[in-house]
Amino acid sequence: MPLHLLMVSLHGEPDELSAHPDHDTSWAALLRYIDERWSTRIDAEPPADDNARVEAFFLLPTRSTSSAR
């Protein structure tokens, strides 16, 4: 049975590594990770669409990078 690995590495935070039995549970874990950190990292409302939220989380400037400008 193949595992779906999820690794997230963000500057200033501990790396996150988890293994999941299928795509759906790994996707749910990624969404949970993003939702738990959104308000402390990004000064914008999160998109309602899951795919857009994941993309925005990794592309939008964070509070620390936007204040450094």
Protein backbone atom coordinates (compact mmCIF):
# COMPACT_ATOMS: atom_id res chain seq x y z
CA MET A 1 0.00 0.00 0.00
CA PRO A 2 1.65 3.26 -1.10
CA LEU A 3 1.82 6.14 1.33
CA HIS A 4 1.25 9.78 0.48
CA LEU A 5 3.89 11.92 2.13
CA LEU A 6 3.29 15.53 3.01
CA MET A 7 6.24 17.79 3.79
CA VAL A 8 5.94 21.51 4.38
CA SER A 9 8.92 23.69 5.10
CA LEU A 10 8.32 27.37 5.87
CA HIS A 11 10.92 29.91 6.91
CA GLY A 12 10.84 30.42 10.66
CA GLU A 13 8.68 27.37 11.43
CA PRO A 14 9.49 23.74 12.14
CA ASP A 15 9.26 21.43 9.15
CA GLU A 16 6.13 19.33 8.95
CA LEU A 17 6.32 15.75 7.69
CA SER A 18 3.44 13.29 7.77
CA ALA A 19 2.42 10.08 6.01
CA HIS A 20 -1.13 9.34 4.92
CA PRO A 21 -2.82 6.26 3.44
CA ASP A 22 -4.40 8.12 0.51
CA HIS A 23 -4.65 11.39 -1.37
CA ASP A 24 -7.80 12.56 0.41
CA THR A 25 -6.32 12.33 3.90
CA SER A 26 -3.06 13.98 2.83
CA TRP A 27 -5.02 16.80 1.15
CA ALA A 28 -7.12 17.25 4.30
CA ALA A 29 -3.92 17.42 6.39
CA LEU A 30 -2.47 20.09 4.10
CA LEU A 31 -5.67 22.16 4.32
CA ARG A 32 -5.65 21.85 8.12
CA TYR A 33 -2.02 22.98 8.21
CA ILE A 34 -2.83 26.02 6.06
CA ASP A 35 -6.01 26.93 7.92
CA GLU A 36 -4.24 26.78 11.29
CA ARG A 37 -1.55 29.22 10.14
CA TRP A 38 -3.37 31.50 7.70
CA SER A 39 -4.36 34.33 10.03
CA THR A 40 -0.93 34.61 11.65
CA ARG A 41 0.98 34.62 8.34
CA ILE A 42 -1.17 36.40 5.76
CA ASP A 43 -3.03 39.73 5.84
CA ALA A 44 -5.77 38.68 3.42
CA GLU A 45 -8.94 36.65 3.65
CA PRO A 46 -8.39 33.05 2.57
CA PRO A 47 -10.10 31.99 -0.65
CA ALA A 48 -13.08 29.66 -0.14
CA ASP A 49 -11.89 27.29 -2.86
CA ASP A 50 -9.43 24.72 -1.49
CA ASN A 51 -7.11 24.78 -4.52
CA ALA A 52 -6.98 28.58 -4.56
CA ARG A 53 -6.31 28.66 -0.80
CA VAL A 54 -3.35 26.27 -1.10
CA GLU A 55 -1.88 28.23 -3.99
CA ALA A 56 -2.39 31.58 -2.27
CA PHE A 57 -0.85 30.36 0.99
CA PHE A 58 2.45 29.60 -0.72
CA LEU A 59 2.43 32.60 -3.10
CA LEU A 60 1.07 35.56 -1.12
CA PRO A 61 3.59 37.61 0.84
CA THR A 62 3.63 36.81 4.53
CA ARG A 63 3.42 39.44 7.25
CA SER A 64 7.16 39.19 7.88
CA THR A 65 8.12 39.58 4.20
CA SER A 66 5.61 42.33 3.41
CA SER A 67 6.68 44.44 6.42
CA ALA A 68 10.34 44.15 5.37
CA ARG A 69 9.69 46.16 2.19
